[in-house]
Amino acid sequence: MSAYGSEREVSVLVWGEAVKVSVYQKSKSVWVASGDYMGESITVQNGSSRSAVTLWRSTAEYRGN
């Protein structure tokens, strides 16, 4: 969890499948997106909430390909 804000859950489409991903702000310029896809835990960091979720989706698609 983050001191910057509460964790929220978003739904991300990966190859047509809706997957729940948790997103929170770790520091002033770091956002974390985390979730499970195909039995594997995936956690990524990026500079904004949207970019972290986009990176998470790309990572899940790559691993699920």
PDB file of N, CA and C in Angstrom:
ATOM      1  N   MET A   1       0.849  -1.178   0.000  1.00  0.00           N
ATOM      2  CA  MET A   1       0.000   0.000   0.000  1.00  0.00           C
ATOM      3  C   MET A   1       0.889   1.233   0.000  1.00  0.00           C
ATOM      4  N   SER A   2       0.316   2.360  -0.326  1.00  0.00           N
ATOM      5  CA  SER A   2       1.082   3.567  -0.521  1.00  0.00           C
ATOM      6  C   SER A   2       0.652   4.683   0.426  1.00  0.00           C
ATOM      7  N   ALA A   3       1.606   5.505   0.807  1.00  0.00           N
ATOM      8  CA  ALA A   3       1.288   6.691   1.593  1.00  0.00           C
ATOM      9  C   ALA A   3       0.719   7.782   0.696  1.00  0.00           C
ATOM     10  N   TYR A   4       0.880   7.643  -0.600  1.00  0.00           N
ATOM     11  CA  TYR A   4       0.435   8.655  -1.554  1.00  0.00           C
ATOM     12  C   TYR A   4      -1.042   8.532  -1.911  1.00  0.00           C
ATOM     13  N   GLY A   5      -1.615   7.385  -1.764  1.00  0.00           N
ATOM     14  CA  GLY A   5      -3.009   7.210  -2.119  1.00  0.00           C
ATOM     15  C   GLY A   5      -3.411   5.769  -1.939  1.00  0.00           C
ATOM     16  N   SER A   6      -4.694   5.543  -2.043  1.00  0.00           N
ATOM     17  CA  SER A   6      -5.170   4.189  -1.831  1.00  0.00           C
ATOM     18  C   SER A   6      -4.973   3.333  -3.082  1.00  0.00           C
ATOM     19  N   GLU A   7      -4.905   2.068  -2.830  1.00  0.00           N
ATOM     20  CA  GLU A   7      -4.798   1.105  -3.914  1.00  0.00           C
ATOM     21  C   GLU A   7      -6.165   0.982  -4.572  1.00  0.00           C
ATOM     22  N   ARG A   8      -6.176   0.854  -5.885  1.00  0.00           N
ATOM     23  CA  ARG A   8      -7.440   0.651  -6.586  1.00  0.00           C
ATOM     24  C   ARG A   8      -7.293  -0.518  -7.537  1.00  0.00           C
ATOM     25  N   GLU A   9      -8.414  -1.072  -7.900  1.00  0.00           N
ATOM     26  CA  GLU A   9      -8.415  -2.223  -8.799  1.00  0.00           C
ATOM     27  C   GLU A   9      -9.039  -1.816 -10.125  1.00  0.00           C
ATOM     28  N   VAL A  10      -8.372  -2.189 -11.213  1.00  0.00           N
ATOM     29  CA  VAL A  10      -8.886  -1.905 -12.548  1.00  0.00           C
ATOM     30  C   VAL A  10      -9.001  -3.218 -13.314  1.00  0.00           C
ATOM     31  N   SER A  11      -9.840  -3.211 -14.323  1.00  0.00           N
ATOM     32  CA  SER A  11      -9.998  -4.373 -15.182  1.00  0.00           C
ATOM     33  C   SER A  11      -9.242  -4.111 -16.482  1.00  0.00           C
ATOM     34  N   VAL A  12      -8.379  -5.054 -16.869  1.00  0.00           N
ATOM     35  CA  VAL A  12      -7.543  -4.911 -18.056  1.00  0.00           C
ATOM     36  C   VAL A  12      -7.849  -6.068 -18.999  1.00  0.00           C
ATOM     37  N   LEU A  13      -8.035  -5.763 -20.278  1.00  0.00           N
ATOM     38  CA  LEU A  13      -8.259  -6.821 -21.266  1.00  0.00           C
ATOM     39  C   LEU A  13      -6.929  -7.329 -21.798  1.00  0.00           C
ATOM     40  N   VAL A  14      -6.703  -8.629 -21.634  1.00  0.00           N
ATOM     41  CA  VAL A  14      -5.500  -9.279 -22.146  1.00  0.00           C
ATOM     42  C   VAL A  14      -5.963 -10.404 -23.057  1.00  0.00           C
ATOM     43  N   TRP A  15      -5.702 -10.252 -24.351  1.00  0.00           N
ATOM     44  CA  TRP A  15      -6.148 -11.228 -25.349  1.00  0.00           C
ATOM     45  C   TRP A  15      -7.640 -11.529 -25.195  1.00  0.00           C
ATOM     46  N   GLY A  16      -8.444 -10.490 -24.940  1.00  0.00           N
ATOM     47  CA  GLY A  16      -9.887 -10.638 -24.828  1.00  0.00           C
ATOM     48  C   GLY A  16     -10.396 -11.098 -23.475  1.00  0.00           C
ATOM     49  N   GLU A  17      -9.502 -11.353 -22.537  1.00  0.00           N
ATOM     50  CA  GLU A  17      -9.877 -11.807 -21.194  1.00  0.00           C
ATOM     51  C   GLU A  17      -9.732 -10.652 -20.210  1.00  0.00           C
ATOM     52  N   ALA A  18     -10.773 -10.395 -19.418  1.00  0.00           N
ATOM     53  CA  ALA A  18     -10.710  -9.343 -18.399  1.00  0.00           C
ATOM     54  C   ALA A  18      -9.923  -9.848 -17.194  1.00  0.00           C
ATOM     55  N   VAL A  19      -8.924  -9.079 -16.782  1.00  0.00           N
ATOM     56  CA  VAL A  19      -8.056  -9.445 -15.663  1.00  0.00           C
ATOM     57  C   VAL A  19      -8.039  -8.280 -14.673  1.00  0.00           C
ATOM     58  N   LYS A  20      -8.164  -8.585 -13.379  1.00  0.00           N
ATOM     59  CA  LYS A  20      -8.121  -7.553 -12.334  1.00  0.00           C
ATOM     60  C   LYS A  20      -6.668  -7.225 -12.000  1.00  0.00           C
ATOM     61  N   VAL A  21      -6.367  -5.929 -11.997  1.00  0.00           N
ATOM     62  CA  VAL A  21      -5.015  -5.457 -11.699  1.00  0.00           C
ATOM     63  C   VAL A  21      -5.112  -4.391 -10.619  1.00  0.00           C
ATOM     64  N   SER A  22      -4.259  -4.480  -9.606  1.00  0.00           N
ATOM     65  CA  SER A  22      -4.195  -3.479  -8.539  1.00  0.00           C
ATOM     66  C   SER A  22      -3.179  -2.413  -8.918  1.00  0.00           C
ATOM     67  N   VAL A  23      -3.529  -1.151  -8.666  1.00  0.00           N
ATOM     68  CA  VAL A  23      -2.651  -0.029  -9.008  1.00  0.00           C
ATOM     69  C   VAL A  23      -2.538   0.887  -7.792  1.00  0.00           C
ATOM     70  N   TYR A  24      -1.304   1.311  -7.479  1.00  0.00           N
ATOM     71  CA  TYR A  24      -1.117   2.291  -6.409  1.00  0.00           C
ATOM     72  C   TYR A  24       0.135   3.118  -6.668  1.00  0.00           C
ATOM     73  N   GLN A  25       0.178   4.275  -6.033  1.00  0.00           N
ATOM     74  CA  GLN A  25       1.323   5.169  -6.166  1.00  0.00           C
ATOM     75  C   GLN A  25       2.329   4.855  -5.070  1.00  0.00           C
ATOM     76  N   LYS A  26       3.519   4.441  -5.485  1.00  0.00           N
ATOM     77  CA  LYS A  26       4.578   4.046  -4.552  1.00  0.00           C
ATOM     78  C   LYS A  26       5.362   5.260  -4.052  1.00  0.00           C
ATOM     79  N   SER A  27       5.605   6.205  -4.930  1.00  0.00           N
ATOM     80  CA  SER A  27       6.316   7.431  -4.572  1.00  0.00           C
ATOM     81  C   SER A  27       5.818   8.543  -5.488  1.00  0.00           C
ATOM     82  N   LYS A  28       6.408   9.698  -5.381  1.00  0.00           N
ATOM     83  CA  LYS A  28       5.933  10.843  -6.160  1.00  0.00           C
ATOM     84  C   LYS A  28       5.884  10.542  -7.660  1.00  0.00           C
ATOM     85  N   SER A  29       6.845   9.788  -8.158  1.00  0.00           N
ATOM     86  CA  SER A  29       6.915   9.549  -9.601  1.00  0.00           C
ATOM     87  C   SER A  29       6.894   8.070  -9.982  1.00  0.00           C
ATOM     88  N   VAL A  30       6.459   7.201  -9.066  1.00  0.00           N
ATOM     89  CA  VAL A  30       6.431   5.760  -9.367  1.00  0.00           C
ATOM     90  C   VAL A  30       5.062   5.185  -9.032  1.00  0.00           C
ATOM     91  N   TRP A  31       4.448   4.574 -10.032  1.00  0.00           N
ATOM     92  CA  TRP A  31       3.186   3.855  -9.873  1.00  0.00           C
ATOM     93  C   TRP A  31       3.442   2.377 -10.090  1.00  0.00           C
ATOM     94  N   VAL A  32       2.728   1.542  -9.347  1.00  0.00           N
ATOM     95  CA  VAL A  32       2.894   0.090  -9.414  1.00  0.00           C
ATOM     96  C   VAL A  32       1.572  -0.534  -9.858  1.00  0.00           C
ATOM     97  N   ALA A  33       1.671  -1.447 -10.826  1.00  0.00           N
ATOM     98  CA  ALA A  33       0.519  -2.244 -11.253  1.00  0.00           C
ATOM     99  C   ALA A  33       0.872  -3.705 -11.006  1.00  0.00           C
ATOM    100  N   SER A  34      -0.048  -4.443 -10.381  1.00  0.00           N
ATOM    101  CA  SER A  34       0.239  -5.820 -10.003  1.00  0.00           C
ATOM    102  C   SER A  34      -1.002  -6.686 -10.168  1.00  0.00           C
ATOM    103  N   GLY A  35      -0.788  -7.891 -10.704  1.00  0.00           N
ATOM    104  CA  GLY A  35      -1.896  -8.825 -10.850  1.00  0.00           C
ATOM    105  C   GLY A  35      -1.389 -10.170 -11.335  1.00  0.00           C
ATOM    106  N   ASP A  36      -2.286 -11.142 -11.374  1.00  0.00           N
ATOM    107  CA  ASP A  36      -1.937 -12.492 -11.827  1.00  0.00           C
ATOM    108  C   ASP A  36      -2.512 -12.728 -13.210  1.00  0.00           C
ATOM    109  N   TYR A  37      -1.724 -13.359 -14.055  1.00  0.00           N
ATOM    110  CA  TYR A  37      -2.184 -13.743 -15.384  1.00  0.00           C
ATOM    111  C   TYR A  37      -1.630 -15.117 -15.721  1.00  0.00           C
ATOM    112  N   MET A  38      -2.510 -16.033 -16.070  1.00  0.00           N
ATOM    113  CA  MET A  38      -2.142 -17.412 -16.409  1.00  0.00           C
ATOM    114  C   MET A  38      -1.316 -18.059 -15.298  1.00  0.00           C
ATOM    115  N   GLY A  39      -1.700 -17.804 -14.044  1.00  0.00           N
ATOM    116  CA  GLY A  39      -1.033 -18.408 -12.904  1.00  0.00           C
ATOM    117  C   GLY A  39       0.288 -17.778 -12.521  1.00  0.00           C
ATOM    118  N   GLU A  40       0.637 -16.685 -13.159  1.00  0.00           N
ATOM    119  CA  GLU A  40       1.906 -16.015 -12.881  1.00  0.00           C
ATOM    120  C   GLU A  40       1.646 -14.615 -12.342  1.00  0.00           C
ATOM    121  N   SER A  41       2.346 -14.242 -11.273  1.00  0.00           N
ATOM    122  CA  SER A  41       2.225 -12.909 -10.702  1.00  0.00           C
ATOM    123  C   SER A  41       3.087 -11.941 -11.510  1.00  0.00           C
ATOM    124  N   ILE A  42       2.486 -10.823 -11.910  1.00  0.00           N
ATOM    125  CA  ILE A  42       3.205  -9.811 -12.686  1.00  0.00           C
ATOM    126  C   ILE A  42       3.099  -8.485 -11.945  1.00  0.00           C
ATOM    127  N   THR A  43       4.240  -7.843 -11.713  1.00  0.00           N
ATOM    128  CA  THR A  43       4.292  -6.526 -11.079  1.00  0.00           C
ATOM    129  C   THR A  43       5.228  -5.650 -11.886  1.00  0.00           C
ATOM    130  N   VAL A  44       4.749  -4.461 -12.246  1.00  0.00           N
ATOM    131  CA  VAL A  44       5.566  -3.517 -13.014  1.00  0.00           C
ATOM    132  C   VAL A  44       5.457  -2.134 -12.381  1.00  0.00           C
ATOM    133  N   GLN A  45       6.415  -1.272 -12.717  1.00  0.00           N
ATOM    134  CA  GLN A  45       6.420   0.106 -12.235  1.00  0.00           C
ATOM    135  C   GLN A  45       6.601   1.041 -13.420  1.00  0.00           C
ATOM    136  N   ASN A  46       5.957   2.219 -13.330  1.00  0.00           N
ATOM    137  CA  ASN A  46       6.121   3.225 -14.364  1.00  0.00           C
ATOM    138  C   ASN A  46       5.781   4.587 -13.789  1.00  0.00           C
ATOM    139  N   GLY A  47       5.873   5.619 -14.600  1.00  0.00           N
ATOM    140  CA  GLY A  47       5.753   6.994 -14.124  1.00  0.00           C
ATOM    141  C   GLY A  47       4.356   7.529 -13.895  1.00  0.00           C
ATOM    142  N   SER A  48       3.332   6.819 -14.365  1.00  0.00           N
ATOM    143  CA  SER A  48       1.955   7.248 -14.123  1.00  0.00           C
ATOM    144  C   SER A  48       1.078   6.014 -13.965  1.00  0.00           C
ATOM    145  N   SER A  49      -0.097   6.220 -13.436  1.00  0.00           N
ATOM    146  CA  SER A  49      -1.035   5.117 -13.263  1.00  0.00           C
ATOM    147  C   SER A  49      -1.347   4.458 -14.609  1.00  0.00           C
ATOM    148  N   ARG A  50      -1.690   5.278 -15.583  1.00  0.00           N
ATOM    149  CA  ARG A  50      -2.040   4.769 -16.907  1.00  0.00           C
ATOM    150  C   ARG A  50      -0.874   4.029 -17.565  1.00  0.00           C
ATOM    151  N   SER A  51       0.323   4.574 -17.471  1.00  0.00           N
ATOM    152  CA  SER A  51       1.470   3.923 -18.111  1.00  0.00           C
ATOM    153  C   SER A  51       1.839   2.618 -17.397  1.00  0.00           C
ATOM    154  N   ALA A  52       1.628   2.557 -16.087  1.00  0.00           N
ATOM    155  CA  ALA A  52       1.897   1.314 -15.355  1.00  0.00           C
ATOM    156  C   ALA A  52       0.913   0.220 -15.786  1.00  0.00           C
ATOM    157  N   VAL A  53      -0.355   0.579 -15.933  1.00  0.00           N
ATOM    158  CA  VAL A  53      -1.355  -0.399 -16.373  1.00  0.00           C
ATOM    159  C   VAL A  53      -1.069  -0.852 -17.809  1.00  0.00           C
ATOM    160  N   THR A  54      -0.708   0.079 -18.670  1.00  0.00           N
ATOM    161  CA  THR A  54      -0.374  -0.257 -20.060  1.00  0.00           C
ATOM    162  C   THR A  54       0.830  -1.194 -20.112  1.00  0.00           C
ATOM    163  N   LEU A  55       1.846  -0.915 -19.310  1.00  0.00           N
ATOM    164  CA  LEU A  55       3.017  -1.782 -19.259  1.00  0.00           C
ATOM    165  C   LEU A  55       2.648  -3.161 -18.717  1.00  0.00           C
ATOM    166  N   TRP A  56       1.783  -3.201 -17.698  1.00  0.00           N
ATOM    167  CA  TRP A  56       1.348  -4.484 -17.153  1.00  0.00           C
ATOM    168  C   TRP A  56       0.673  -5.314 -18.243  1.00  0.00           C
ATOM    169  N   ARG A  57      -0.228  -4.687 -18.992  1.00  0.00           N
ATOM    170  CA  ARG A  57      -0.941  -5.384 -20.069  1.00  0.00           C
ATOM    171  C   ARG A  57       0.042  -5.911 -21.124  1.00  0.00           C
ATOM    172  N   SER A  58       0.986  -5.089 -21.534  1.00  0.00           N
ATOM    173  CA  SER A  58       1.984  -5.507 -22.529  1.00  0.00           C
ATOM    174  C   SER A  58       2.811  -6.685 -22.024  1.00  0.00           C
ATOM    175  N   THR A  59       3.181  -6.628 -20.751  1.00  0.00           N
ATOM    176  CA  THR A  59       3.962  -7.713 -20.153  1.00  0.00           C
ATOM    177  C   THR A  59       3.147  -8.997 -20.110  1.00  0.00           C
ATOM    178  N   ALA A  60       1.883  -8.910 -19.722  1.00  0.00           N
ATOM    179  CA  ALA A  60       1.012 -10.091 -19.676  1.00  0.00           C
ATOM    180  C   ALA A  60       0.815 -10.673 -21.066  1.00  0.00           C
ATOM    181  N   GLU A  61       0.598  -9.814 -22.061  1.00  0.00           N
ATOM    182  CA  GLU A  61       0.424 -10.295 -23.439  1.00  0.00           C
ATOM    183  C   GLU A  61       1.674 -10.995 -23.933  1.00  0.00           C
ATOM    184  N   TYR A  62       2.842 -10.449 -23.630  1.00  0.00           N
ATOM    185  CA  TYR A  62       4.098 -11.052 -24.061  1.00  0.00           C
ATOM    186  C   TYR A  62       4.283 -12.434 -23.422  1.00  0.00           C
ATOM    187  N   ARG A  63       4.011 -12.526 -22.127  1.00  0.00           N
ATOM    188  CA  ARG A  63       4.185 -13.816 -21.429  1.00  0.00           C
ATOM    189  C   ARG A  63       3.126 -14.834 -21.822  1.00  0.00           C
ATOM    190  N   GLY A  64       1.940 -14.351 -22.235  1.00  0.00           N
ATOM    191  CA  GLY A  64       0.858 -15.245 -22.616  1.00  0.00           C
ATOM    192  C   GLY A  64       0.854 -15.606 -24.096  1.00  0.00           C
ATOM    193  N   ASN A  65       1.812 -15.075 -24.832  1.00  0.00           N
ATOM    194  CA  ASN A  65       1.868 -15.297 -26.266  1.00  0.00           C
ATOM    195  C   ASN A  65       2.507 -16.615 -26.608  1.00  0.00           C
TER     196      ASN A  65
END
